[in-house]
Amino acid sequence: MELQDFVINDIKPLSLTDKVSDLKMLFNQLTYSHIPIVRDGVYMGCLSETDAHCFESAKTLSDCSHAIEGFFVRPTTSWLDVLETFAQNSSNIMPILSQNNKYLGYYELSDIIHLFNETPFFSEPGGVLIIEKGINDYSFSEISQIVESNGAKLLGAFISKMDGDLIKITLKIGNASLNEVIQTFRRYSYNIVSGHEEDSFIESLKDRSQYLDKYLNM
């Protein structure tokens, strides 16, 4: 996925010499959780809306530098890692720095979620299967072999839950009925947690993703 097309530059980062009132004004105008901060043109990090309302408006941002959060990604960072960085920092804006640490712009969380919704896992027709096995007993190579031995295509797979010694894996499978695939997984001692022949499960995930997107932009 090409993330370069999603770089945004319509917000100029604030400087440490700007006042907290300037920061509060930006938050009142925008729906972002954080605003990038620079010092002499060098990216320092972001200040959150939550912290901004804790500071006196007459102070400068340099007086609040202890609250600056230094998260960012690179232009070469994969979209999954970008999404993870969003989650780790509870932010809906993600600054992008060049390899020389030059501020290039930022990503919006809604754009990255949109990319996720366009992956074959969501967009291609197929069934969803959730399987479970001991954490030391499964392998993705075996899972792929089981799916493909039934003439099906594995469109995506991820570990959806780890609970003690058990692990749950969610699969998106195309080009085949799930019944034969399910029976083969059972022969290989996988527990079948859930199987969806139609796309209702995927549609539910899409709906939840779209709801999250709308919520984050309220």
N, C-alpha and C. Protein backbone atom coordinates (compact mmCIF):
# COMPACT_ATOMS: atom_id res chain seq x y z
N MET A 1 0.84 -1.19 0.00
CA MET A 1 0.00 0.00 0.00
C MET A 1 0.88 1.26 0.00
N GLU A 2 0.50 2.22 -0.82
CA GLU A 2 1.27 3.44 -0.92
C GLU A 2 0.72 4.47 0.08
N LEU A 3 1.49 4.73 1.12
CA LEU A 3 1.04 5.69 2.12
C LEU A 3 1.37 7.13 1.76
N GLN A 4 2.30 7.30 0.80
CA GLN A 4 2.73 8.65 0.45
C GLN A 4 1.57 9.53 0.01
N ASP A 5 0.56 8.92 -0.60
CA ASP A 5 -0.58 9.70 -1.08
C ASP A 5 -1.44 10.23 0.06
N PHE A 6 -1.19 9.77 1.28
CA PHE A 6 -2.03 10.15 2.41
C PHE A 6 -1.33 11.12 3.36
N VAL A 7 -0.16 11.60 2.96
CA VAL A 7 0.55 12.60 3.79
C VAL A 7 -0.20 13.92 3.71
N ILE A 8 -0.48 14.52 4.87
CA ILE A 8 -1.24 15.78 4.95
C ILE A 8 -0.34 16.87 5.51
N ASN A 9 -0.48 18.07 4.95
CA ASN A 9 0.35 19.19 5.39
C ASN A 9 -0.45 20.46 5.64
N ASP A 10 -1.75 20.32 5.91
CA ASP A 10 -2.58 21.51 6.02
C ASP A 10 -2.55 22.15 7.41
N ILE A 11 -1.83 21.55 8.35
CA ILE A 11 -1.66 22.15 9.67
C ILE A 11 -0.18 22.42 9.91
N LYS A 12 0.15 23.66 10.14
CA LYS A 12 1.53 24.01 10.43
C LYS A 12 1.81 23.72 11.90
N PRO A 13 2.89 22.99 12.21
CA PRO A 13 3.21 22.71 13.61
C PRO A 13 3.40 23.99 14.40
N LEU A 14 3.02 23.99 15.64
CA LEU A 14 3.25 25.13 16.51
C LEU A 14 4.68 25.10 17.04
N SER A 15 5.15 26.29 17.41
CA SER A 15 6.50 26.42 17.95
C SER A 15 6.44 26.51 19.47
N LEU A 16 7.55 26.16 20.12
CA LEU A 16 7.61 26.27 21.57
C LEU A 16 7.42 27.70 22.05
N THR A 17 7.63 28.66 21.15
CA THR A 17 7.45 30.07 21.52
C THR A 17 5.99 30.50 21.41
N ASP A 18 5.13 29.68 20.81
CA ASP A 18 3.70 30.00 20.74
C ASP A 18 3.05 29.83 22.11
N LYS A 19 1.91 30.44 22.26
CA LYS A 19 1.21 30.38 23.55
C LYS A 19 0.25 29.20 23.62
N VAL A 20 -0.06 28.80 24.83
CA VAL A 20 -1.02 27.73 25.05
C VAL A 20 -2.38 28.11 24.47
N SER A 21 -2.69 29.39 24.48
CA SER A 21 -3.97 29.84 23.90
C SER A 21 -4.04 29.52 22.41
N ASP A 22 -2.89 29.59 21.70
CA ASP A 22 -2.86 29.23 20.28
C ASP A 22 -3.16 27.75 20.09
N LEU A 23 -2.61 26.95 20.99
CA LEU A 23 -2.85 25.51 20.94
C LEU A 23 -4.31 25.19 21.20
N LYS A 24 -4.88 25.81 22.20
CA LYS A 24 -6.29 25.58 22.52
C LYS A 24 -7.19 26.01 21.37
N MET A 25 -6.83 27.09 20.71
CA MET A 25 -7.63 27.57 19.59
C MET A 25 -7.65 26.54 18.45
N LEU A 26 -6.47 25.92 18.20
CA LEU A 26 -6.39 24.89 17.15
C LEU A 26 -7.28 23.70 17.50
N PHE A 27 -7.22 23.28 18.75
CA PHE A 27 -8.05 22.14 19.17
C PHE A 27 -9.53 22.46 19.06
N ASN A 28 -9.89 23.71 19.29
CA ASN A 28 -11.29 24.11 19.15
C ASN A 28 -11.76 24.09 17.70
N GLN A 29 -10.81 24.27 16.79
CA GLN A 29 -11.14 24.31 15.36
C GLN A 29 -11.08 22.94 14.70
N LEU A 30 -10.31 22.02 15.30
CA LEU A 30 -10.04 20.73 14.68
C LEU A 30 -10.58 19.58 15.52
N THR A 31 -10.52 18.38 14.93
CA THR A 31 -10.97 17.18 15.65
C THR A 31 -9.78 16.29 16.04
N TYR A 32 -8.58 16.83 15.96
CA TYR A 32 -7.40 16.03 16.26
C TYR A 32 -7.16 15.91 17.76
N SER A 33 -6.57 14.79 18.15
CA SER A 33 -6.25 14.55 19.56
C SER A 33 -4.93 15.18 19.96
N HIS A 34 -4.05 15.42 18.98
CA HIS A 34 -2.72 15.97 19.24
C HIS A 34 -2.36 17.00 18.17
N ILE A 35 -1.43 17.88 18.51
CA ILE A 35 -0.90 18.87 17.57
C ILE A 35 0.63 18.78 17.61
N PRO A 36 1.30 18.72 16.45
CA PRO A 36 2.77 18.66 16.41
C PRO A 36 3.40 19.96 16.91
N ILE A 37 4.54 19.82 17.59
CA ILE A 37 5.28 20.96 18.13
C ILE A 37 6.72 20.91 17.62
N VAL A 38 7.25 22.09 17.23
CA VAL A 38 8.64 22.17 16.77
C VAL A 38 9.40 23.22 17.57
N ARG A 39 10.71 23.08 17.55
CA ARG A 39 11.59 24.09 18.14
C ARG A 39 12.65 24.44 17.10
N ASP A 40 12.63 25.69 16.64
CA ASP A 40 13.53 26.14 15.58
C ASP A 40 13.43 25.23 14.36
N GLY A 41 12.21 24.83 14.06
CA GLY A 41 11.97 24.01 12.88
C GLY A 41 12.19 22.52 13.07
N VAL A 42 12.67 22.11 14.25
CA VAL A 42 12.95 20.70 14.52
C VAL A 42 11.79 20.09 15.31
N TYR A 43 11.27 18.97 14.84
CA TYR A 43 10.14 18.32 15.49
C TYR A 43 10.51 17.88 16.90
N MET A 44 9.67 18.25 17.87
CA MET A 44 9.88 17.88 19.26
C MET A 44 8.94 16.76 19.70
N GLY A 45 7.73 16.76 19.15
CA GLY A 45 6.72 15.79 19.55
C GLY A 45 5.34 16.42 19.42
N CYS A 46 4.39 15.86 20.12
CA CYS A 46 3.01 16.35 20.07
C CYS A 46 2.48 16.66 21.47
N LEU A 47 1.60 17.64 21.53
CA LEU A 47 0.86 17.91 22.76
C LEU A 47 -0.58 17.49 22.56
N SER A 48 -1.15 16.87 23.57
CA SER A 48 -2.52 16.37 23.46
C SER A 48 -3.53 17.42 23.87
N GLU A 49 -4.75 17.26 23.39
CA GLU A 49 -5.82 18.17 23.76
C GLU A 49 -6.10 18.09 25.26
N THR A 50 -6.02 16.89 25.82
CA THR A 50 -6.25 16.70 27.25
C THR A 50 -5.29 17.52 28.08
N ASP A 51 -4.00 17.46 27.71
CA ASP A 51 -2.98 18.23 28.45
C ASP A 51 -3.14 19.72 28.23
N ALA A 52 -3.50 20.11 27.01
CA ALA A 52 -3.60 21.54 26.69
C ALA A 52 -4.57 22.25 27.61
N HIS A 53 -5.67 21.61 27.95
CA HIS A 53 -6.68 22.25 28.79
C HIS A 53 -6.26 22.31 30.26
N CYS A 54 -5.12 21.69 30.58
CA CYS A 54 -4.62 21.73 31.96
C CYS A 54 -3.67 22.90 32.19
N PHE A 55 -3.26 23.58 31.10
CA PHE A 55 -2.28 24.64 31.21
C PHE A 55 -2.93 26.02 31.07
N GLU A 56 -2.31 27.00 31.69
CA GLU A 56 -2.81 28.37 31.59
C GLU A 56 -2.58 28.91 30.19
N SER A 57 -3.58 29.58 29.66
CA SER A 57 -3.54 30.05 28.27
C SER A 57 -2.41 31.04 28.01
N ALA A 58 -2.02 31.82 29.02
CA ALA A 58 -1.00 32.85 28.83
C ALA A 58 0.41 32.27 28.75
N LYS A 59 0.59 31.03 29.17
CA LYS A 59 1.93 30.43 29.15
C LYS A 59 2.34 30.07 27.73
N THR A 60 3.64 29.93 27.52
CA THR A 60 4.14 29.47 26.23
C THR A 60 4.23 27.95 26.24
N LEU A 61 4.33 27.38 25.07
CA LEU A 61 4.41 25.92 24.98
C LEU A 61 5.70 25.38 25.57
N SER A 62 6.73 26.22 25.62
CA SER A 62 7.98 25.79 26.26
C SER A 62 7.77 25.49 27.74
N ASP A 63 6.79 26.17 28.36
CA ASP A 63 6.47 25.90 29.76
C ASP A 63 5.78 24.55 29.93
N CYS A 64 5.33 23.99 28.83
CA CYS A 64 4.61 22.72 28.87
C CYS A 64 5.41 21.59 28.22
N SER A 65 6.68 21.82 27.98
CA SER A 65 7.49 20.87 27.21
C SER A 65 7.56 19.49 27.86
N HIS A 66 7.37 19.43 29.18
CA HIS A 66 7.43 18.14 29.87
C HIS A 66 6.28 17.22 29.45
N ALA A 67 5.21 17.79 28.87
CA ALA A 67 4.05 17.00 28.47
C ALA A 67 4.10 16.57 27.00
N ILE A 68 5.17 16.97 26.29
CA ILE A 68 5.28 16.64 24.87
C ILE A 68 5.54 15.14 24.70
N GLU A 69 4.78 14.53 23.80
CA GLU A 69 4.92 13.10 23.49
C GLU A 69 5.65 12.96 22.16
N GLY A 70 6.76 12.23 22.14
CA GLY A 70 7.63 12.22 20.98
C GLY A 70 7.38 11.15 19.94
N PHE A 71 6.15 10.73 19.74
CA PHE A 71 5.89 9.66 18.77
C PHE A 71 5.90 10.18 17.34
N PHE A 72 6.26 9.30 16.40
CA PHE A 72 6.28 9.62 14.97
C PHE A 72 6.50 8.32 14.19
N VAL A 73 6.36 8.40 12.87
CA VAL A 73 6.70 7.29 11.98
C VAL A 73 7.54 7.85 10.84
N ARG A 74 8.12 6.93 10.06
CA ARG A 74 8.90 7.29 8.88
C ARG A 74 8.06 7.06 7.61
N PRO A 75 8.46 7.65 6.49
CA PRO A 75 7.73 7.39 5.23
C PRO A 75 7.78 5.92 4.84
N THR A 76 8.80 5.21 5.29
CA THR A 76 8.97 3.80 4.94
C THR A 76 8.26 2.86 5.92
N THR A 77 7.67 3.40 6.97
CA THR A 77 6.98 2.56 7.95
C THR A 77 5.75 1.91 7.30
N SER A 78 5.60 0.61 7.49
CA SER A 78 4.46 -0.10 6.88
C SER A 78 3.16 0.35 7.51
N TRP A 79 2.06 0.18 6.78
CA TRP A 79 0.77 0.67 7.26
C TRP A 79 0.32 -0.04 8.53
N LEU A 80 0.69 -1.31 8.69
CA LEU A 80 0.34 -2.02 9.92
C LEU A 80 1.08 -1.45 11.12
N ASP A 81 2.36 -1.13 10.91
CA ASP A 81 3.13 -0.51 11.99
C ASP A 81 2.64 0.89 12.30
N VAL A 82 2.21 1.60 11.26
CA VAL A 82 1.62 2.93 11.47
C VAL A 82 0.36 2.81 12.32
N LEU A 83 -0.47 1.84 11.98
CA LEU A 83 -1.71 1.62 12.73
C LEU A 83 -1.40 1.25 14.18
N GLU A 84 -0.38 0.44 14.39
CA GLU A 84 0.01 0.07 15.75
C GLU A 84 0.49 1.28 16.54
N THR A 85 1.25 2.17 15.88
CA THR A 85 1.74 3.37 16.56
C THR A 85 0.59 4.29 16.95
N PHE A 86 -0.42 4.38 16.08
CA PHE A 86 -1.63 5.12 16.43
C PHE A 86 -2.23 4.57 17.73
N ALA A 87 -2.37 3.25 17.79
CA ALA A 87 -3.01 2.61 18.93
C ALA A 87 -2.19 2.79 20.20
N GLN A 88 -0.89 2.65 20.09
CA GLN A 88 -0.01 2.75 21.26
C GLN A 88 -0.05 4.14 21.88
N ASN A 89 -0.31 5.15 21.06
CA ASN A 89 -0.27 6.53 21.55
C ASN A 89 -1.64 7.18 21.65
N SER A 90 -2.70 6.40 21.45
CA SER A 90 -4.08 6.91 21.58
C SER A 90 -4.24 8.23 20.83
N SER A 91 -3.79 8.24 19.61
CA SER A 91 -3.81 9.46 18.80
C SER A 91 -4.57 9.22 17.51
N ASN A 92 -5.13 10.29 16.92
CA ASN A 92 -5.73 10.18 15.59
C ASN A 92 -4.95 10.99 14.56
N ILE A 93 -3.75 11.41 14.93
CA ILE A 93 -2.84 12.12 14.03
C ILE A 93 -1.43 11.56 14.27
N MET A 94 -0.68 11.32 13.19
CA MET A 94 0.63 10.69 13.31
C MET A 94 1.68 11.46 12.49
N PRO A 95 2.58 12.20 13.15
CA PRO A 95 3.63 12.93 12.44
C PRO A 95 4.56 11.98 11.68
N ILE A 96 5.05 12.47 10.54
CA ILE A 96 5.96 11.70 9.69
C ILE A 96 7.28 12.45 9.60
N LEU A 97 8.38 11.76 9.92
CA LEU A 97 9.71 12.35 9.84
C LEU A 97 10.54 11.62 8.79
N SER A 98 11.36 12.39 8.06
CA SER A 98 12.27 11.79 7.09
C SER A 98 13.40 11.07 7.83
N GLN A 99 14.24 10.38 7.08
CA GLN A 99 15.37 9.70 7.70
C GLN A 99 16.32 10.69 8.36
N ASN A 100 16.27 11.96 7.92
CA ASN A 100 17.07 13.03 8.52
C ASN A 100 16.30 13.79 9.58
N ASN A 101 15.16 13.21 9.99
CA ASN A 101 14.31 13.77 11.05
C ASN A 101 13.66 15.10 10.68
N LYS A 102 13.49 15.33 9.38
CA LYS A 102 12.76 16.50 8.93
C LYS A 102 11.27 16.21 8.97
N TYR A 103 10.50 17.14 9.51
CA TYR A 103 9.04 16.98 9.59
C TYR A 103 8.44 17.08 8.19
N LEU A 104 7.70 16.05 7.77
CA LEU A 104 7.15 15.98 6.43
C LEU A 104 5.64 16.21 6.36
N GLY A 105 4.97 16.03 7.48
CA GLY A 105 3.52 16.12 7.51
C GLY A 105 2.98 15.09 8.49
N TYR A 106 1.76 14.63 8.25
CA TYR A 106 1.17 13.67 9.18
C TYR A 106 0.14 12.81 8.47
N TYR A 107 -0.19 11.67 9.09
CA TYR A 107 -1.29 10.83 8.65
C TYR A 107 -2.49 11.05 9.56
N GLU A 108 -3.68 10.85 9.01
CA GLU A 108 -4.90 10.81 9.81
C GLU A 108 -5.27 9.34 10.03
N LEU A 109 -5.72 9.02 11.23
CA LEU A 109 -6.10 7.65 11.54
C LEU A 109 -7.19 7.14 10.61
N SER A 110 -8.14 7.99 10.27
CA SER A 110 -9.25 7.55 9.41
C SER A 110 -8.76 7.06 8.05
N ASP A 111 -7.70 7.69 7.52
CA ASP A 111 -7.15 7.26 6.23
C ASP A 111 -6.51 5.88 6.34
N ILE A 112 -5.81 5.61 7.44
CA ILE A 112 -5.16 4.32 7.62
C ILE A 112 -6.20 3.22 7.81
N ILE A 113 -7.27 3.53 8.56
CA ILE A 113 -8.35 2.56 8.73
C ILE A 113 -9.01 2.27 7.38
N HIS A 114 -9.14 3.29 6.55
CA HIS A 114 -9.71 3.11 5.22
C HIS A 114 -8.85 2.15 4.39
N LEU A 115 -7.54 2.28 4.49
CA LEU A 115 -6.64 1.37 3.78
C LEU A 115 -6.85 -0.06 4.27
N PHE A 116 -7.03 -0.22 5.58
CA PHE A 116 -7.26 -1.54 6.15
C PHE A 116 -8.53 -2.15 5.58
N ASN A 117 -9.57 -1.34 5.42
CA ASN A 117 -10.84 -1.84 4.90
C ASN A 117 -10.74 -2.25 3.43
N GLU A 118 -9.71 -1.74 2.72
CA GLU A 118 -9.56 -2.07 1.31
C GLU A 118 -8.72 -3.32 1.08
N THR A 119 -8.16 -3.90 2.13
CA THR A 119 -7.36 -5.11 1.96
C THR A 119 -8.25 -6.28 1.54
N PRO A 120 -7.68 -7.29 0.87
CA PRO A 120 -8.48 -8.46 0.47
C PRO A 120 -9.18 -9.14 1.63
N PHE A 121 -8.61 -9.04 2.82
CA PHE A 121 -9.25 -9.65 3.99
C PHE A 121 -10.68 -9.14 4.15
N PHE A 122 -10.89 -7.85 3.86
CA PHE A 122 -12.21 -7.27 3.97
C PHE A 122 -12.96 -7.26 2.64
N SER A 123 -12.27 -6.95 1.57
CA SER A 123 -12.95 -6.64 0.31
C SER A 123 -13.29 -7.86 -0.53
N GLU A 124 -12.51 -8.95 -0.43
CA GLU A 124 -12.76 -10.11 -1.26
C GLU A 124 -13.84 -11.01 -0.66
N PRO A 125 -14.67 -11.64 -1.50
CA PRO A 125 -15.69 -12.56 -0.98
C PRO A 125 -15.04 -13.82 -0.40
N GLY A 126 -15.67 -14.38 0.59
CA GLY A 126 -15.16 -15.58 1.21
C GLY A 126 -15.76 -15.82 2.57
N GLY A 127 -15.25 -16.81 3.27
CA GLY A 127 -15.75 -17.16 4.59
C GLY A 127 -14.71 -16.86 5.65
N VAL A 128 -15.17 -16.67 6.85
CA VAL A 128 -14.30 -16.41 7.99
C VAL A 128 -14.33 -17.60 8.93
N LEU A 129 -13.16 -18.05 9.33
CA LEU A 129 -13.04 -19.20 10.21
C LEU A 129 -12.14 -18.84 11.38
N ILE A 130 -12.60 -19.10 12.59
CA ILE A 130 -11.78 -18.88 13.78
C ILE A 130 -11.43 -20.24 14.37
N ILE A 131 -10.15 -20.52 14.47
CA ILE A 131 -9.68 -21.81 14.98
C ILE A 131 -8.87 -21.61 16.25
N GLU A 132 -8.72 -22.69 17.01
CA GLU A 132 -8.03 -22.61 18.30
C GLU A 132 -7.16 -23.85 18.48
N LYS A 133 -5.98 -23.63 19.05
CA LYS A 133 -5.08 -24.75 19.32
C LYS A 133 -4.07 -24.33 20.37
N GLY A 134 -3.33 -25.30 20.91
CA GLY A 134 -2.29 -24.99 21.89
C GLY A 134 -1.24 -24.07 21.30
N ILE A 135 -0.75 -23.18 22.13
CA ILE A 135 0.17 -22.15 21.64
C ILE A 135 1.46 -22.74 21.07
N ASN A 136 1.83 -23.92 21.52
CA ASN A 136 3.04 -24.58 21.02
C ASN A 136 2.75 -25.63 19.96
N ASP A 137 1.48 -25.77 19.57
CA ASP A 137 1.10 -26.87 18.68
C ASP A 137 0.69 -26.42 17.29
N TYR A 138 0.53 -25.14 17.05
CA TYR A 138 0.07 -24.67 15.75
C TYR A 138 1.25 -24.15 14.93
N SER A 139 1.04 -24.02 13.64
CA SER A 139 2.01 -23.34 12.78
C SER A 139 1.25 -22.75 11.59
N PHE A 140 1.67 -21.60 11.13
CA PHE A 140 0.99 -20.98 10.00
C PHE A 140 1.24 -21.77 8.71
N SER A 141 2.38 -22.45 8.63
CA SER A 141 2.62 -23.27 7.44
C SER A 141 1.63 -24.42 7.37
N GLU A 142 1.33 -25.02 8.54
CA GLU A 142 0.36 -26.10 8.58
C GLU A 142 -1.04 -25.57 8.25
N ILE A 143 -1.37 -24.41 8.80
CA ILE A 143 -2.68 -23.80 8.54
C ILE A 143 -2.85 -23.53 7.04
N SER A 144 -1.83 -22.97 6.42
CA SER A 144 -1.89 -22.70 4.98
C SER A 144 -2.05 -23.98 4.18
N GLN A 145 -1.32 -25.02 4.59
CA GLN A 145 -1.40 -26.31 3.89
C GLN A 145 -2.79 -26.91 3.99
N ILE A 146 -3.40 -26.79 5.17
CA ILE A 146 -4.76 -27.33 5.36
C ILE A 146 -5.75 -26.61 4.46
N VAL A 147 -5.67 -25.29 4.41
CA VAL A 147 -6.59 -24.51 3.58
C VAL A 147 -6.40 -24.84 2.11
N GLU A 148 -5.15 -24.82 1.65
CA GLU A 148 -4.87 -25.00 0.22
C GLU A 148 -5.08 -26.43 -0.24
N SER A 149 -4.96 -27.40 0.67
CA SER A 149 -5.19 -28.80 0.30
C SER A 149 -6.65 -29.05 -0.07
N ASN A 150 -7.52 -28.14 0.33
CA ASN A 150 -8.94 -28.23 -0.01
C ASN A 150 -9.31 -27.35 -1.20
N GLY A 151 -8.31 -26.90 -1.93
CA GLY A 151 -8.54 -26.08 -3.11
C GLY A 151 -8.98 -24.66 -2.80
N ALA A 152 -8.75 -24.22 -1.56
CA ALA A 152 -9.15 -22.87 -1.15
C ALA A 152 -7.93 -21.95 -1.15
N LYS A 153 -8.21 -20.65 -1.04
CA LYS A 153 -7.16 -19.65 -0.97
C LYS A 153 -7.23 -18.94 0.38
N LEU A 154 -6.08 -18.80 1.01
CA LEU A 154 -6.00 -18.08 2.29
C LEU A 154 -5.80 -16.60 2.00
N LEU A 155 -6.83 -15.80 2.26
CA LEU A 155 -6.78 -14.36 1.97
C LEU A 155 -6.20 -13.54 3.11
N GLY A 156 -6.13 -14.13 4.28
CA GLY A 156 -5.56 -13.41 5.42
C GLY A 156 -5.67 -14.25 6.68
N ALA A 157 -4.77 -14.01 7.61
CA ALA A 157 -4.78 -14.73 8.89
C ALA A 157 -4.08 -13.87 9.93
N PHE A 158 -4.66 -13.85 11.12
CA PHE A 158 -3.99 -13.14 12.21
C PHE A 158 -4.38 -13.77 13.54
N ILE A 159 -3.48 -13.62 14.52
CA ILE A 159 -3.74 -14.11 15.87
C ILE A 159 -4.68 -13.14 16.55
N SER A 160 -5.89 -13.60 16.84
CA SER A 160 -6.92 -12.72 17.38
C SER A 160 -7.03 -12.78 18.89
N LYS A 161 -6.45 -13.83 19.51
CA LYS A 161 -6.49 -13.89 20.97
C LYS A 161 -5.49 -14.91 21.48
N MET A 162 -4.82 -14.58 22.59
CA MET A 162 -3.95 -15.51 23.29
C MET A 162 -4.45 -15.60 24.72
N ASP A 163 -4.80 -16.81 25.14
CA ASP A 163 -5.39 -17.01 26.47
C ASP A 163 -4.71 -18.20 27.12
N GLY A 164 -3.74 -17.91 27.97
CA GLY A 164 -2.99 -18.98 28.61
C GLY A 164 -2.21 -19.79 27.58
N ASP A 165 -2.50 -21.09 27.53
CA ASP A 165 -1.80 -21.98 26.59
C ASP A 165 -2.52 -22.12 25.26
N LEU A 166 -3.64 -21.41 25.09
CA LEU A 166 -4.40 -21.51 23.86
C LEU A 166 -4.26 -20.24 23.02
N ILE A 167 -4.35 -20.43 21.72
CA ILE A 167 -4.27 -19.30 20.81
C ILE A 167 -5.39 -19.40 19.78
N LYS A 168 -6.04 -18.29 19.50
CA LYS A 168 -7.10 -18.24 18.50
C LYS A 168 -6.58 -17.51 17.27
N ILE A 169 -6.89 -18.06 16.10
CA ILE A 169 -6.44 -17.50 14.84
C ILE A 169 -7.65 -17.29 13.94
N THR A 170 -7.79 -16.08 13.42
CA THR A 170 -8.89 -15.75 12.52
C THR A 170 -8.39 -15.84 11.08
N LEU A 171 -9.12 -16.59 10.26
CA LEU A 171 -8.75 -16.80 8.87
C LEU A 171 -9.84 -16.26 7.94
N LYS A 172 -9.43 -15.70 6.82
CA LYS A 172 -10.37 -15.34 5.73
C LYS A 172 -10.03 -16.26 4.56
N ILE A 173 -11.02 -17.05 4.14
CA ILE A 173 -10.79 -18.10 3.15
C ILE A 173 -11.69 -17.87 1.95
N GLY A 174 -11.10 -17.93 0.76
CA GLY A 174 -11.86 -17.74 -0.47
C GLY A 174 -11.86 -18.99 -1.34
N ASN A 175 -12.74 -19.00 -2.32
CA ASN A 175 -12.78 -20.03 -3.38
C ASN A 175 -13.18 -21.42 -2.91
N ALA A 176 -13.84 -21.56 -1.79
CA ALA A 176 -14.25 -22.90 -1.35
C ALA A 176 -15.30 -22.81 -0.26
N SER A 177 -16.06 -23.89 -0.12
CA SER A 177 -16.96 -24.02 1.01
C SER A 177 -16.13 -24.28 2.25
N LEU A 178 -16.55 -23.70 3.35
CA LEU A 178 -15.79 -23.86 4.58
C LEU A 178 -15.92 -25.26 5.17
N ASN A 179 -16.96 -25.99 4.82
CA ASN A 179 -17.23 -27.25 5.49
C ASN A 179 -16.06 -28.22 5.38
N GLU A 180 -15.52 -28.39 4.16
CA GLU A 180 -14.41 -29.32 3.97
C GLU A 180 -13.16 -28.83 4.70
N VAL A 181 -12.94 -27.52 4.68
CA VAL A 181 -11.78 -26.96 5.39
C VAL A 181 -11.92 -27.20 6.89
N ILE A 182 -13.13 -27.00 7.41
CA ILE A 182 -13.37 -27.20 8.84
C ILE A 182 -13.10 -28.65 9.24
N GLN A 183 -13.58 -29.58 8.44
CA GLN A 183 -13.38 -30.99 8.77
C GLN A 183 -11.90 -31.35 8.78
N THR A 184 -11.13 -30.77 7.86
CA THR A 184 -9.70 -31.05 7.83
C THR A 184 -9.01 -30.47 9.05
N PHE A 185 -9.39 -29.25 9.45
CA PHE A 185 -8.81 -28.67 10.66
C PHE A 185 -9.10 -29.55 11.88
N ARG A 186 -10.30 -30.12 11.94
CA ARG A 186 -10.64 -30.99 13.07
C ARG A 186 -9.76 -32.24 13.07
N ARG A 187 -9.46 -32.77 11.89
CA ARG A 187 -8.60 -33.95 11.82
C ARG A 187 -7.20 -33.64 12.30
N TYR A 188 -6.81 -32.36 12.17
CA TYR A 188 -5.49 -31.94 12.66
C TYR A 188 -5.56 -31.40 14.09
N SER A 189 -6.65 -31.70 14.79
CA SER A 189 -6.83 -31.39 16.21
C SER A 189 -6.96 -29.89 16.50
N TYR A 190 -7.46 -29.15 15.53
CA TYR A 190 -7.80 -27.74 15.78
C TYR A 190 -9.24 -27.68 16.28
N ASN A 191 -9.50 -26.84 17.26
CA ASN A 191 -10.85 -26.60 17.72
C ASN A 191 -11.47 -25.50 16.86
N ILE A 192 -12.68 -25.73 16.37
CA ILE A 192 -13.37 -24.74 15.55
C ILE A 192 -14.20 -23.85 16.47
N VAL A 193 -13.78 -22.60 16.58
CA VAL A 193 -14.48 -21.65 17.45
C VAL A 193 -15.69 -21.07 16.75
N SER A 194 -15.52 -20.70 15.48
CA SER A 194 -16.59 -20.08 14.72
C SER A 194 -16.31 -20.19 13.24
N GLY A 195 -17.37 -20.43 12.45
CA GLY A 195 -17.23 -20.48 11.01
C GLY A 195 -18.37 -19.73 10.35
N HIS A 196 -18.06 -18.85 9.41
CA HIS A 196 -19.07 -18.03 8.73
C HIS A 196 -18.93 -18.23 7.23
N GLU A 197 -19.90 -18.90 6.64
CA GLU A 197 -19.86 -19.15 5.19
C GLU A 197 -20.01 -17.86 4.41
N GLU A 198 -20.84 -16.96 4.92
CA GLU A 198 -21.09 -15.72 4.20
C GLU A 198 -20.22 -14.61 4.75
N ASP A 199 -20.41 -13.40 4.23
CA ASP A 199 -19.59 -12.28 4.60
C ASP A 199 -20.18 -11.47 5.75
N SER A 200 -21.12 -12.04 6.51
CA SER A 200 -21.76 -11.27 7.58
C SER A 200 -20.75 -10.86 8.65
N PHE A 201 -19.81 -11.74 8.94
CA PHE A 201 -18.80 -11.41 9.95
C PHE A 201 -17.92 -10.25 9.48
N ILE A 202 -17.50 -10.31 8.23
CA ILE A 202 -16.69 -9.24 7.66
C ILE A 202 -17.46 -7.93 7.65
N GLU A 203 -18.75 -7.99 7.29
CA GLU A 203 -19.56 -6.78 7.28
C GLU A 203 -19.67 -6.20 8.68
N SER A 204 -19.75 -7.06 9.68
CA SER A 204 -19.80 -6.60 11.07
C SER A 204 -18.50 -5.89 11.44
N LEU A 205 -17.37 -6.47 11.02
CA LEU A 205 -16.09 -5.83 11.29
C LEU A 205 -15.99 -4.48 10.59
N LYS A 206 -16.48 -4.41 9.37
CA LYS A 206 -16.47 -3.15 8.63
C LYS A 206 -17.31 -2.10 9.35
N ASP A 207 -18.50 -2.54 9.80
CA ASP A 207 -19.39 -1.60 10.49
C ASP A 207 -18.71 -1.06 11.74
N ARG A 208 -18.04 -1.93 12.48
CA ARG A 208 -17.36 -1.50 13.70
C ARG A 208 -16.21 -0.55 13.38
N SER A 209 -15.50 -0.84 12.29
CA SER A 209 -14.40 0.02 11.88
C SER A 209 -14.92 1.39 11.47
N GLN A 210 -16.04 1.41 10.73
CA GLN A 210 -16.62 2.68 10.30
C GLN A 210 -17.15 3.46 11.49
N TYR A 211 -17.71 2.75 12.48
CA TYR A 211 -18.19 3.41 13.69
C TYR A 211 -17.02 4.04 14.45
N LEU A 212 -15.90 3.26 14.54
CA LEU A 212 -14.72 3.80 15.21
C LEU A 212 -14.21 5.03 14.51
N ASP A 213 -14.21 4.99 13.16
CA ASP A 213 -13.77 6.13 12.38
C ASP A 213 -14.62 7.36 12.67
N LYS A 214 -15.96 7.17 12.68
CA LYS A 214 -16.86 8.29 12.95
C LYS A 214 -16.66 8.81 14.38
N TYR A 215 -16.47 7.87 15.33
CA TYR A 215 -16.29 8.27 16.73
C TYR A 215 -15.04 9.10 16.91
N LEU A 216 -13.95 8.68 16.23
CA LEU A 216 -12.68 9.38 16.37
C LEU A 216 -12.73 10.76 15.74
N ASN A 217 -13.68 10.98 14.83
CA ASN A 217 -13.76 12.27 14.15
C ASN A 217 -14.89 13.14 14.66
N MET A 218 -15.50 12.76 15.78
CA MET A 218 -16.55 13.59 16.39
C MET A 218 -15.94 14.85 16.99
